[in-house]
Amino acid sequence: MGLQLQMLGTGNAFAKKNYNNNALLLGDNFTLMIDCGITAPASLYQLGKSFGDIDACLITHIHGDHVGGLEEFAYQCKFVYNKRPVLYIADTLVQRLWENTLKGAMGEDGVDGLEAFFEVRPLQEGQPYELFKGLTVELFRTPHMPGKNSYSLLLNGDIFYSADMTFQPELLRKLVDERGVRRIFHECQLTGKGEVHTTLDELKSLPQPIKSMISLMHYGDHFAEFEGKTDGMDFLKQHTAYEI
């Protein structure tokens, strides 16, 4: 089968039609979930899948549309599937995810850390890791909001999957020119000023060879208004599986 990317959702934090921008990476012998936002449980259900089918989850950053489904993921795995799933996460986010996000709902007597629910595997920025046979991941810290570390992903050395990030044209050029990146899955804010996200207009300013590699995700529900107006960059679609 090779490696496939299946989008659980392609929408931004406020999306209602296209769900949160979360995805599944499907290999011959593994299923890795990239982020687990508020809408992830419903999306899996609609696909006929369950949390029991997930071998591991990788978190890019701590916002509700990327981690809001982790409580259900953890509890279903513990009480329904009797397993402790692997959680890949940047080492700088491990304590923050528990203390700032999950502890209020999941902490109890004798339970005071992610390790009670997950097999936590911290990742360091800039170091490639083989998560499964046929899949390596390298984290790149990319700017999003002040004080909120956000980590984009380099998959198998030549596929860039952006977390939420402001426009970084030099990074994209270096990834293509120096690292041999051939495909880019990039978040996209369709309108307005790009204060904490990358705008469509900013992406349209890139050289055409780079734009030809880009597929757009993390967009608003009104994306259909922009079909044919993206300089050839296509929109990833919810629940569609893409060979990568």
Protein backbone atom coordinates (compact mmCIF):
# COMPACT_ATOMS: atom_id res chain seq x y z
CA MET A 1 0.00 0.00 0.00
CA GLY A 2 2.77 2.42 0.81
CA LEU A 3 2.13 5.53 2.89
CA GLN A 4 -1.25 7.28 2.81
CA LEU A 5 -2.49 10.48 4.41
CA GLN A 6 -6.19 10.44 5.31
CA MET A 7 -7.63 13.66 6.64
CA LEU A 8 -9.95 13.33 9.63
CA GLY A 9 -10.68 16.98 9.09
CA THR A 10 -9.31 19.85 7.06
CA GLY A 11 -10.86 22.84 8.81
CA ASN A 12 -9.56 25.51 11.13
CA ALA A 13 -10.32 25.86 14.83
CA PHE A 14 -13.78 27.28 14.10
CA ALA A 15 -14.75 24.90 11.29
CA LYS A 16 -18.11 23.16 11.52
CA LYS A 17 -18.35 21.50 8.09
CA ASN A 18 -14.85 20.15 7.63
CA TYR A 19 -13.85 19.37 11.22
CA ASN A 20 -10.53 20.07 12.90
CA ASN A 21 -7.34 19.66 10.90
CA ASN A 22 -6.31 16.20 12.10
CA ALA A 23 -5.08 13.28 10.01
CA LEU A 24 -4.23 9.61 9.88
CA LEU A 25 -0.95 8.34 8.45
CA LEU A 26 -1.63 4.84 7.18
CA GLY A 27 1.22 2.42 6.54
CA ASP A 28 1.31 -1.26 5.74
CA ASN A 29 1.35 -2.19 9.44
CA PHE A 30 0.46 0.97 11.38
CA THR A 31 -2.00 3.82 11.84
CA LEU A 32 -0.61 7.04 13.28
CA MET A 33 -2.99 9.85 14.19
CA ILE A 34 -1.60 13.36 13.75
CA ASP A 35 -3.33 15.48 16.40
CA CYS A 36 -6.57 14.58 18.14
CA GLY A 37 -8.85 17.58 18.20
CA ILE A 38 -12.40 18.05 19.43
CA THR A 39 -13.92 16.57 16.27
CA ALA A 40 -11.59 13.57 15.91
CA PRO A 41 -13.89 11.04 17.66
CA ALA A 42 -16.86 11.88 15.44
CA SER A 43 -14.72 11.81 12.30
CA LEU A 44 -13.31 8.37 13.11
CA TYR A 45 -16.85 7.12 13.72
CA GLN A 46 -17.99 8.42 10.33
CA LEU A 47 -15.08 6.58 8.69
CA GLY A 48 -16.05 3.34 10.38
CA LYS A 49 -12.90 3.45 12.50
CA SER A 50 -12.34 3.61 16.24
CA PHE A 51 -9.65 4.62 18.69
CA GLY A 52 -8.90 0.92 18.93
CA ASP A 53 -7.51 1.11 15.39
CA ILE A 54 -4.96 3.78 16.33
CA ASP A 55 -1.44 2.58 17.13
CA ALA A 56 -0.09 5.96 18.20
CA CYS A 57 -0.85 9.66 18.21
CA LEU A 58 1.55 12.51 17.42
CA ILE A 59 0.73 15.99 18.76
CA THR A 60 1.95 19.13 16.98
CA HIS A 61 0.86 21.71 19.57
CA ILE A 62 -1.56 22.34 22.41
CA HIS A 63 -4.74 23.96 21.12
CA GLY A 64 -8.22 22.48 21.42
CA ASP A 65 -8.57 21.71 17.72
CA HIS A 66 -5.41 19.60 18.00
CA VAL A 67 -5.68 18.04 21.48
CA GLY A 68 -9.34 18.43 22.50
CA GLY A 69 -10.13 14.76 21.77
CA LEU A 70 -7.28 13.29 23.83
CA GLU A 71 -9.42 12.78 26.93
CA GLU A 72 -11.84 10.55 25.04
CA PHE A 73 -8.96 8.82 23.26
CA ALA A 74 -7.30 8.00 26.58
CA TYR A 75 -10.46 6.85 28.33
CA GLN A 76 -11.68 4.73 25.43
CA CYS A 77 -8.30 3.04 25.16
CA LYS A 78 -8.22 2.38 28.90
CA PHE A 79 -11.79 1.24 29.53
CA VAL A 80 -12.94 -0.07 26.15
CA TYR A 81 -9.82 -1.37 24.38
CA ASN A 82 -7.66 -2.16 27.42
CA LYS A 83 -4.53 -0.62 25.99
CA ARG A 84 -2.16 2.25 26.69
CA PRO A 85 -1.53 3.99 23.38
CA VAL A 86 1.75 5.56 22.35
CA LEU A 87 1.81 9.35 22.47
CA TYR A 88 4.55 11.08 20.49
CA ILE A 89 5.02 14.69 21.55
CA ALA A 90 7.80 17.28 21.64
CA ASP A 91 9.70 17.10 24.91
CA THR A 92 8.88 20.77 25.61
CA LEU A 93 5.14 20.03 25.53
CA VAL A 94 4.87 16.94 27.74
CA GLN A 95 4.37 18.72 31.07
CA ARG A 96 2.31 21.52 29.55
CA LEU A 97 -0.15 19.13 27.95
CA TRP A 98 -0.85 17.53 31.31
CA GLU A 99 -0.73 20.56 33.60
CA ASN A 100 -2.45 23.09 31.33
CA THR A 101 -4.89 20.91 29.39
CA LEU A 102 -5.70 17.42 30.69
CA LYS A 103 -5.08 17.44 34.43
CA GLY A 104 -8.28 19.28 35.33
CA ALA A 105 -10.43 16.57 33.77
CA MET A 106 -8.28 13.47 34.14
CA GLY A 107 -6.27 14.00 37.31
CA GLU A 108 -7.38 12.10 40.42
CA ASP A 109 -5.88 10.41 43.45
CA GLY A 110 -2.87 8.45 42.25
CA VAL A 111 -3.12 9.86 38.71
CA ASP A 112 -0.84 12.81 38.11
CA GLY A 113 0.69 12.57 34.67
CA LEU A 114 0.25 11.56 31.05
CA GLU A 115 1.96 8.25 31.77
CA ALA A 116 -1.14 6.99 33.56
CA PHE A 117 -2.91 6.86 30.18
CA PHE A 118 -0.25 6.95 27.47
CA GLU A 119 3.11 5.43 26.68
CA VAL A 120 4.74 8.85 26.33
CA ARG A 121 7.62 9.09 23.89
CA PRO A 122 9.12 12.61 23.90
CA LEU A 123 10.72 13.83 20.68
CA GLN A 124 13.48 16.41 20.35
CA GLU A 125 13.41 19.05 17.65
CA GLY A 126 15.74 18.51 14.70
CA GLN A 127 16.33 14.81 15.25
CA PRO A 128 14.79 12.22 12.90
CA TYR A 129 12.95 9.35 14.60
CA GLU A 130 11.76 6.09 13.09
CA LEU A 131 8.27 5.80 14.57
CA PHE A 132 7.35 2.73 12.55
CA LYS A 133 8.96 0.72 9.78
CA GLY A 134 8.46 2.91 6.74
CA LEU A 135 7.95 6.17 8.66
CA THR A 136 10.49 8.65 10.00
CA VAL A 137 9.51 11.98 11.53
CA GLU A 138 11.55 15.08 12.30
CA LEU A 139 10.12 18.02 14.26
CA PHE A 140 10.59 21.65 13.22
CA ARG A 141 9.52 24.31 15.69
CA THR A 142 7.58 26.86 13.65
CA PRO A 143 6.13 30.15 14.99
CA HIS A 144 2.43 30.28 15.78
CA MET A 145 1.41 32.18 18.93
CA PRO A 146 3.75 33.76 21.50
CA GLY A 147 4.54 31.28 24.24
CA LYS A 148 2.88 28.39 22.37
CA ASN A 149 5.44 26.03 20.87
CA SER A 150 4.16 24.50 17.63
CA TYR A 151 6.00 21.78 15.72
CA SER A 152 5.71 21.09 12.01
CA LEU A 153 6.73 17.69 10.67
CA LEU A 154 9.14 16.37 8.08
CA LEU A 155 7.92 12.92 7.05
CA ASN A 156 10.35 10.41 5.54
CA GLY A 157 12.72 13.25 4.79
CA ASP A 158 10.80 14.69 1.86
CA ILE A 159 7.22 15.54 2.91
CA PHE A 160 6.50 18.68 4.94
CA TYR A 161 3.33 18.72 7.07
CA SER A 162 2.83 22.09 8.70
CA ALA A 163 1.46 22.69 12.14
CA ASP A 164 -0.30 25.99 12.73
CA MET A 165 2.33 28.56 11.75
CA THR A 166 2.95 32.03 10.44
CA PHE A 167 4.43 32.38 6.95
CA GLN A 168 8.00 31.08 6.74
CA PRO A 169 9.06 31.39 3.08
CA GLU A 170 12.77 30.90 3.77
CA LEU A 171 12.10 27.67 5.64
CA LEU A 172 10.02 26.36 2.75
CA ARG A 173 12.72 27.29 0.22
CA LYS A 174 15.42 25.60 2.30
CA LEU A 175 13.34 22.47 2.73
CA VAL A 176 12.88 22.23 -1.02
CA ASP A 177 16.36 23.32 -2.13
CA GLU A 178 18.49 21.75 0.60
CA ARG A 179 16.43 18.88 2.01
CA GLY A 180 14.75 17.69 -1.19
CA VAL A 181 11.16 18.14 -0.03
CA ARG A 182 8.79 17.17 -2.84
CA ARG A 183 5.38 17.64 -1.26
CA ILE A 184 3.99 20.19 1.20
CA PHE A 185 0.78 19.98 3.22
CA HIS A 186 0.33 23.53 4.46
CA GLU A 187 -2.17 25.23 6.73
CA CYS A 188 -3.95 28.16 5.10
CA GLN A 189 -5.98 31.12 6.36
CA LEU A 190 -8.11 32.18 3.42
CA THR A 191 -8.88 35.79 4.39
CA GLY A 192 -7.59 38.45 6.74
CA LYS A 193 -4.18 39.28 8.13
CA GLY A 194 -1.91 36.38 9.00
CA GLU A 195 -1.18 37.15 12.64
CA VAL A 196 -0.88 33.53 13.82
CA HIS A 197 -1.48 31.60 10.59
CA THR A 198 -0.23 31.61 6.99
CA THR A 199 -2.57 33.33 4.56
CA LEU A 200 -3.50 32.24 1.07
CA ASP A 201 -2.07 35.47 -0.34
CA GLU A 202 1.25 34.75 1.36
CA LEU A 203 1.40 31.26 -0.09
CA LYS A 204 0.53 32.65 -3.53
CA SER A 205 3.67 34.82 -3.31
CA LEU A 206 5.92 31.74 -3.38
CA PRO A 207 7.73 30.67 -6.56
CA GLN A 208 5.57 28.51 -8.81
CA PRO A 209 7.77 25.38 -8.43
CA ILE A 210 7.11 25.45 -4.68
CA LYS A 211 3.40 26.23 -5.10
CA SER A 212 3.07 23.19 -7.34
CA MET A 213 4.04 21.02 -4.35
CA ILE A 214 1.49 22.54 -1.94
CA SER A 215 -1.85 21.15 -0.85
CA LEU A 216 -3.92 23.36 1.45
CA MET A 217 -5.46 22.38 4.80
CA HIS A 218 -6.68 24.04 8.03
CA TYR A 219 -8.93 26.35 6.04
CA GLY A 220 -12.32 27.94 6.71
CA ASP A 221 -15.70 26.46 5.89
CA HIS A 222 -16.09 28.91 3.00
CA PHE A 223 -13.22 27.37 1.04
CA ALA A 224 -15.42 26.60 -1.99
CA GLU A 225 -15.41 30.33 -2.77
CA PHE A 226 -11.67 30.05 -3.40
CA GLU A 227 -11.67 27.00 -5.68
CA GLY A 228 -9.74 27.93 -8.84
CA LYS A 229 -8.24 31.01 -7.14
CA THR A 230 -5.25 29.40 -5.42
CA ASP A 231 -2.60 29.50 -8.17
CA GLY A 232 -2.88 25.74 -8.63
CA MET A 233 -2.61 24.74 -4.98
CA ASP A 234 -5.31 22.16 -4.25
CA PHE A 235 -7.47 21.80 -1.16
CA LEU A 236 -7.13 18.59 0.80
CA LYS A 237 -10.58 17.09 1.39
CA GLN A 238 -11.95 15.59 4.58
CA HIS A 239 -11.88 11.77 4.78
CA THR A 240 -10.03 11.44 1.47
CA ALA A 241 -6.94 9.21 1.55
CA TYR A 242 -3.95 10.46 -0.46
CA GLU A 243 -0.99 8.38 -1.58
CA ILE A 244 2.15 10.17 -0.50
